Amino acid sequence: MFVAVLVEEGGCVSVLVVCFLIRVGLESGFKHHKPQKQHSQTLNGVNPLKYEIKYKPSYAMLVVKLDQGESITAESGSLTYMDPTIEARTRKREKSFWGTLGLSLIGGQSFWVNDYTAHANDAEVGLVAAPVGDIEKLEVKSGKGYIIQKSAYIASTQGIDLDIKWEGFSKGLFGQGLFMIKATGDGQLFINTFGAIDTHTLGAGETLIVDNFHLVGFSDTCNYKVTKFGGLKETLLGGEGLVTEITGPGDVHIQTKNLKEFVDWLWTLLEPRVQRRAR
Protein backbone atom coordinates (compact mmCIF):
# COMPACT_ATOMS: atom_id res chain seq x y z
CA MET A 1 0.00 0.00 0.00
CA PHE A 2 1.00 3.67 -0.19
CA VAL A 3 1.35 5.72 3.00
CA ALA A 4 1.66 9.51 2.98
CA VAL A 5 2.84 11.11 6.24
CA LEU A 6 1.77 14.74 6.63
CA VAL A 7 2.98 17.28 9.19
CA GLU A 8 1.59 20.75 9.76
CA GLU A 9 4.21 23.46 9.98
CA GLY A 10 3.22 27.14 10.29
CA GLY A 11 -0.14 26.57 8.60
CA CYS A 12 1.46 24.64 5.74
CA VAL A 13 1.09 21.01 4.91
CA SER A 14 4.37 19.41 3.97
CA VAL A 15 4.90 15.89 2.79
CA LEU A 16 7.70 14.37 4.84
CA VAL A 17 7.61 10.82 3.63
CA VAL A 18 5.89 8.90 0.87
CA CYS A 19 6.53 5.24 1.63
CA PHE A 20 6.04 2.53 -0.91
CA LEU A 21 5.14 -0.57 1.08
CA ILE A 22 4.11 -3.00 -1.61
CA ARG A 23 3.46 -6.41 -0.09
CA VAL A 24 4.14 -8.31 -3.27
CA GLY A 25 7.32 -6.37 -3.79
CA LEU A 26 8.55 -7.08 -0.30
CA GLU A 27 7.79 -10.77 -0.56
CA SER A 28 9.65 -11.03 -3.86
CA GLY A 29 12.19 -8.33 -3.09
CA PHE A 30 14.62 -7.57 -0.31
CA LYS A 31 13.35 -9.90 2.41
CA HIS A 32 13.19 -13.05 0.34
CA HIS A 33 15.60 -12.32 -2.46
CA LYS A 34 17.44 -15.39 -3.65
CA PRO A 35 20.63 -14.81 -5.62
CA GLN A 36 19.96 -15.37 -9.29
CA LYS A 37 22.34 -17.00 -11.70
CA GLN A 38 24.53 -14.39 -13.30
CA HIS A 39 24.01 -13.83 -17.01
CA SER A 40 26.86 -13.70 -19.49
CA GLN A 41 26.51 -12.40 -23.01
CA THR A 42 29.29 -12.44 -25.61
CA LEU A 43 29.40 -9.28 -27.69
CA ASN A 44 31.33 -8.94 -30.93
CA GLY A 45 33.49 -11.93 -30.05
CA VAL A 46 34.90 -10.29 -26.90
CA ASN A 47 34.59 -11.43 -23.30
CA PRO A 48 30.97 -11.80 -22.16
CA LEU A 49 29.34 -9.07 -20.12
CA LYS A 50 28.46 -10.47 -16.71
CA TYR A 51 25.38 -8.99 -15.09
CA GLU A 52 22.57 -9.78 -12.68
CA ILE A 53 19.22 -8.07 -12.18
CA LYS A 54 18.35 -8.33 -8.48
CA TYR A 55 15.12 -7.73 -6.58
CA LYS A 56 12.77 -8.11 -9.54
CA PRO A 57 10.12 -7.00 -10.25
CA SER A 58 9.44 -4.23 -7.72
CA TYR A 59 12.84 -2.91 -6.66
CA ALA A 60 15.12 -4.01 -9.49
CA MET A 61 18.83 -3.23 -9.41
CA LEU A 62 21.30 -3.93 -12.22
CA VAL A 63 24.62 -5.35 -11.01
CA VAL A 64 27.38 -5.56 -13.62
CA LYS A 65 30.74 -7.29 -13.15
CA LEU A 66 33.45 -5.89 -15.37
CA ASP A 67 36.81 -7.39 -16.23
CA GLN A 68 39.85 -5.20 -16.71
CA GLY A 69 39.31 -2.77 -19.59
CA GLU A 70 35.57 -3.39 -19.88
CA SER A 71 33.09 -0.51 -19.66
CA ILE A 72 29.39 0.10 -19.17
CA THR A 73 27.60 3.40 -19.88
CA ALA A 74 24.83 4.49 -17.52
CA GLU A 75 22.40 7.33 -17.05
CA SER A 76 23.73 10.06 -14.76
CA GLY A 77 22.42 9.55 -11.23
CA SER A 78 21.85 5.81 -11.57
CA LEU A 79 24.90 4.72 -9.54
CA THR A 80 24.24 2.85 -6.30
CA TYR A 81 27.75 1.59 -5.56
CA MET A 82 30.96 0.53 -7.29
CA ASP A 83 34.27 -1.13 -6.46
CA PRO A 84 37.27 1.16 -6.01
CA THR A 85 38.92 -0.53 -9.00
CA ILE A 86 36.34 1.11 -11.30
CA GLU A 87 36.97 4.52 -12.81
CA ALA A 88 33.97 6.72 -13.59
CA ARG A 89 34.17 9.33 -16.31
CA THR A 90 31.39 11.75 -17.11
CA ARG A 91 30.80 12.84 -20.68
CA LYS A 92 28.20 14.40 -22.92
CA ARG A 93 25.68 11.92 -24.24
CA GLU A 94 26.08 12.98 -27.86
CA LYS A 95 29.29 13.65 -29.73
CA SER A 96 28.07 17.07 -30.75
CA PHE A 97 27.14 19.81 -28.30
CA TRP A 98 23.79 20.52 -29.97
CA GLY A 99 22.88 16.84 -30.04
CA THR A 100 23.42 16.55 -26.31
CA LEU A 101 21.60 19.80 -25.62
CA GLY A 102 18.65 18.62 -27.69
CA LEU A 103 18.45 15.35 -25.79
CA SER A 104 18.64 17.17 -22.49
CA LEU A 105 16.19 20.01 -23.11
CA ILE A 106 13.72 18.43 -25.50
CA GLY A 107 13.81 14.89 -24.22
CA GLY A 108 14.19 15.57 -20.54
CA GLN A 109 17.13 13.21 -20.08
CA SER A 110 20.16 14.34 -18.15
CA PHE A 111 22.87 16.24 -19.98
CA TRP A 112 25.56 13.72 -19.01
CA VAL A 113 26.18 9.99 -18.91
CA ASN A 114 28.83 8.11 -16.95
CA ASP A 115 31.25 5.55 -18.38
CA TYR A 116 32.37 3.00 -15.78
CA THR A 117 35.64 1.29 -16.71
CA ALA A 118 37.29 -1.48 -14.70
CA HIS A 119 41.02 -1.51 -13.93
CA ALA A 120 40.90 -5.04 -12.47
CA ASN A 121 38.89 -8.22 -13.02
CA ASP A 122 35.53 -8.84 -11.30
CA ALA A 123 34.94 -5.16 -10.55
CA GLU A 124 31.30 -4.61 -9.60
CA VAL A 125 28.97 -1.68 -10.16
CA GLY A 126 25.32 -1.40 -9.09
CA LEU A 127 22.82 0.71 -11.03
CA VAL A 128 19.21 1.63 -10.29
CA ALA A 129 16.49 3.89 -11.67
CA ALA A 130 14.24 6.37 -9.88
CA PRO A 131 10.90 4.60 -10.52
CA VAL A 132 9.87 1.71 -8.29
CA GLY A 133 9.80 -1.14 -10.77
CA ASP A 134 11.65 -3.56 -12.99
CA ILE A 135 14.75 -3.62 -15.19
CA GLU A 136 15.06 -5.64 -18.39
CA LYS A 137 17.84 -6.33 -20.88
CA LEU A 138 17.27 -5.87 -24.62
CA GLU A 139 19.59 -7.22 -27.31
CA VAL A 140 20.34 -4.66 -29.99
CA LYS A 141 21.79 -5.88 -33.28
CA SER A 142 22.13 -4.71 -36.84
CA GLY A 143 18.61 -4.49 -38.21
CA LYS A 144 17.11 -5.07 -34.75
CA GLY A 145 16.93 -1.84 -32.81
CA TYR A 146 14.38 -0.42 -30.39
CA ILE A 147 12.37 2.73 -29.89
CA ILE A 148 12.20 3.44 -26.15
CA GLN A 149 10.70 6.09 -23.93
CA LYS A 150 13.37 8.62 -22.96
CA SER A 151 12.96 7.95 -19.23
CA ALA A 152 13.28 4.16 -19.69
CA TYR A 153 17.01 4.28 -20.40
CA ILE A 154 19.28 3.15 -17.55
CA ALA A 155 22.44 1.69 -19.14
CA SER A 156 23.98 0.28 -22.31
CA THR A 157 27.15 -1.27 -23.64
CA GLN A 158 29.55 0.75 -25.72
CA GLY A 159 28.14 -0.27 -29.11
CA ILE A 160 24.71 1.30 -28.57
CA ASP A 161 23.79 4.60 -30.25
CA LEU A 162 20.87 6.65 -28.90
CA ASP A 163 19.49 8.60 -31.84
CA ILE A 164 17.58 11.83 -31.21
CA LYS A 165 17.55 12.95 -34.82
CA TRP A 166 14.68 10.78 -36.05
CA GLU A 167 11.34 12.57 -36.37
CA GLY A 168 9.61 10.62 -33.58
CA PHE A 169 11.86 12.46 -31.15
CA SER A 170 12.44 15.83 -32.76
CA LYS A 171 8.76 16.38 -33.52
CA GLY A 172 7.43 14.79 -30.34
CA LEU A 173 4.99 12.61 -32.24
CA PHE A 174 3.98 10.75 -29.07
CA GLY A 175 2.65 13.91 -27.44
CA GLN A 176 1.68 14.44 -23.77
CA GLY A 177 5.27 15.41 -22.99
CA LEU A 178 6.53 11.97 -24.04
CA PHE A 179 9.50 11.59 -26.35
CA MET A 180 11.03 8.40 -27.68
CA ILE A 181 14.65 7.59 -28.46
CA LYS A 182 15.79 5.23 -31.19
CA ALA A 183 18.46 2.77 -29.99
CA THR A 184 20.55 1.08 -32.68
CA GLY A 185 23.95 -0.54 -33.00
CA ASP A 186 25.30 -3.77 -31.56
CA GLY A 187 25.19 -4.51 -27.86
CA GLN A 188 22.93 -4.60 -24.83
CA LEU A 189 20.42 -2.01 -23.72
CA PHE A 190 18.97 -1.98 -20.18
CA ILE A 191 15.60 -0.36 -19.62
CA ASN A 192 13.62 0.40 -16.46
CA THR A 193 9.90 0.69 -15.85
CA PHE A 194 7.41 1.97 -13.28
CA GLY A 195 5.92 -1.34 -12.15
CA ALA A 196 6.54 -4.64 -13.87
CA ILE A 197 7.40 -5.17 -17.54
CA ASP A 198 4.75 -6.77 -19.73
CA THR A 199 6.10 -7.95 -23.10
CA HIS A 200 3.99 -8.76 -26.16
CA THR A 201 5.44 -10.38 -29.28
CA LEU A 202 3.56 -9.37 -32.41
CA GLY A 203 3.58 -11.34 -35.62
CA ALA A 204 3.56 -9.67 -39.02
CA GLY A 205 0.33 -7.67 -39.36
CA GLU A 206 -0.71 -8.07 -35.70
CA THR A 207 -1.64 -4.82 -33.95
CA LEU A 208 -1.66 -3.74 -30.30
CA ILE A 209 -3.09 -0.45 -28.99
CA VAL A 210 -1.14 0.90 -26.00
CA ASP A 211 -1.76 3.87 -23.73
CA ASN A 212 1.19 6.21 -24.16
CA PHE A 213 1.95 6.46 -20.45
CA HIS A 214 2.20 2.67 -20.24
CA LEU A 215 4.36 2.38 -23.36
CA VAL A 216 8.04 1.66 -22.64
CA GLY A 217 9.34 0.69 -26.07
CA PHE A 218 9.03 -1.51 -29.13
CA SER A 219 11.15 -3.05 -31.88
CA ASP A 220 12.05 -0.69 -34.69
CA THR A 221 10.76 -3.33 -37.11
CA CYS A 222 7.23 -2.36 -36.01
CA ASN A 223 5.07 0.26 -37.66
CA TYR A 224 3.28 2.68 -35.36
CA LYS A 225 0.63 5.39 -35.42
CA VAL A 226 -0.19 7.80 -32.59
CA THR A 227 -3.89 8.57 -32.34
CA LYS A 228 -6.57 9.78 -29.93
CA PHE A 229 -8.36 7.30 -27.73
CA GLY A 230 -11.76 6.60 -29.33
CA GLY A 231 -13.92 9.54 -30.25
CA LEU A 232 -14.21 12.94 -28.59
CA LYS A 233 -16.33 11.56 -25.73
CA GLU A 234 -13.86 8.80 -24.95
CA THR A 235 -10.91 11.21 -25.15
CA LEU A 236 -12.53 13.70 -22.75
CA LEU A 237 -14.30 11.33 -20.35
CA GLY A 238 -12.64 7.94 -20.74
CA GLY A 239 -9.53 8.72 -18.72
CA GLU A 240 -7.22 8.16 -21.67
CA GLY A 241 -5.41 10.63 -23.89
CA LEU A 242 -3.26 9.54 -26.80
CA VAL A 243 -2.61 5.92 -27.64
CA THR A 244 -0.18 4.26 -30.01
CA GLU A 245 -1.24 1.60 -32.50
CA ILE A 246 1.75 -0.70 -32.99
CA THR A 247 1.82 -3.27 -35.79
CA GLY A 248 4.30 -6.15 -35.92
CA PRO A 249 6.50 -7.92 -36.46
CA GLY A 250 8.37 -7.18 -33.25
CA ASP A 251 8.20 -6.91 -29.47
CA VAL A 252 6.25 -4.35 -27.46
CA HIS A 253 7.26 -3.57 -23.86
CA ILE A 254 4.66 -2.10 -21.50
CA GLN A 255 4.90 -0.94 -17.88
CA THR A 256 2.09 -2.06 -15.60
CA LYS A 257 1.92 1.23 -13.68
CA ASN A 258 1.23 4.74 -14.93
CA LEU A 259 3.33 7.42 -13.23
CA LYS A 260 0.98 10.23 -14.25
CA GLU A 261 -2.02 8.38 -12.79
CA PHE A 262 -0.08 7.74 -9.58
CA VAL A 263 0.78 11.42 -9.20
CA ASP A 264 -2.84 12.39 -9.90
CA TRP A 265 -4.06 9.85 -7.31
CA LEU A 266 -1.60 11.13 -4.71
CA TRP A 267 -2.76 14.68 -5.33
CA THR A 268 -6.38 13.73 -4.56
CA LEU A 269 -5.18 12.86 -1.05
CA LEU A 270 -3.11 16.01 -0.60
CA GLU A 271 -5.29 18.62 -2.30
CA PRO A 272 -8.04 18.89 0.38
CA ARG A 273 -5.44 19.47 3.11
CA VAL A 274 -3.57 22.02 1.03
CA GLN A 275 -6.76 23.92 0.18
CA ARG A 276 -7.83 24.04 3.84
CA ARG A 277 -4.49 25.50 4.91
CA ALA A 278 -4.57 28.04 2.07
CA ARG A 279 -7.83 29.60 3.23
Foldseek 3Di string as FASTA:
>chain_A
DWDWDWDDDPLAIDTDDIDDDDPVLVVQFDPDWDDDDWDFDDFPNDGTWTWDWHSPWFATKIKTWDAAFFKKKWFPPFWDDWDPQKDKDKDAQDPDPVQLVCCCVQQVGPRIIIMIGGRHGRIMTMTGADAGGHKDKDWADVVKKKKFWSRFFTIWGPFKRWDQPDCQAVVVQQDPSIGITIIHGGTMTMTTARYYKDKDAADAFDKDKAQSQFWGMKIPQKDKDKDADPDPCCCVPVPGGIIMIIGDRIMTITHPDGPVVVVVVVCVVVVVSRVVSVD
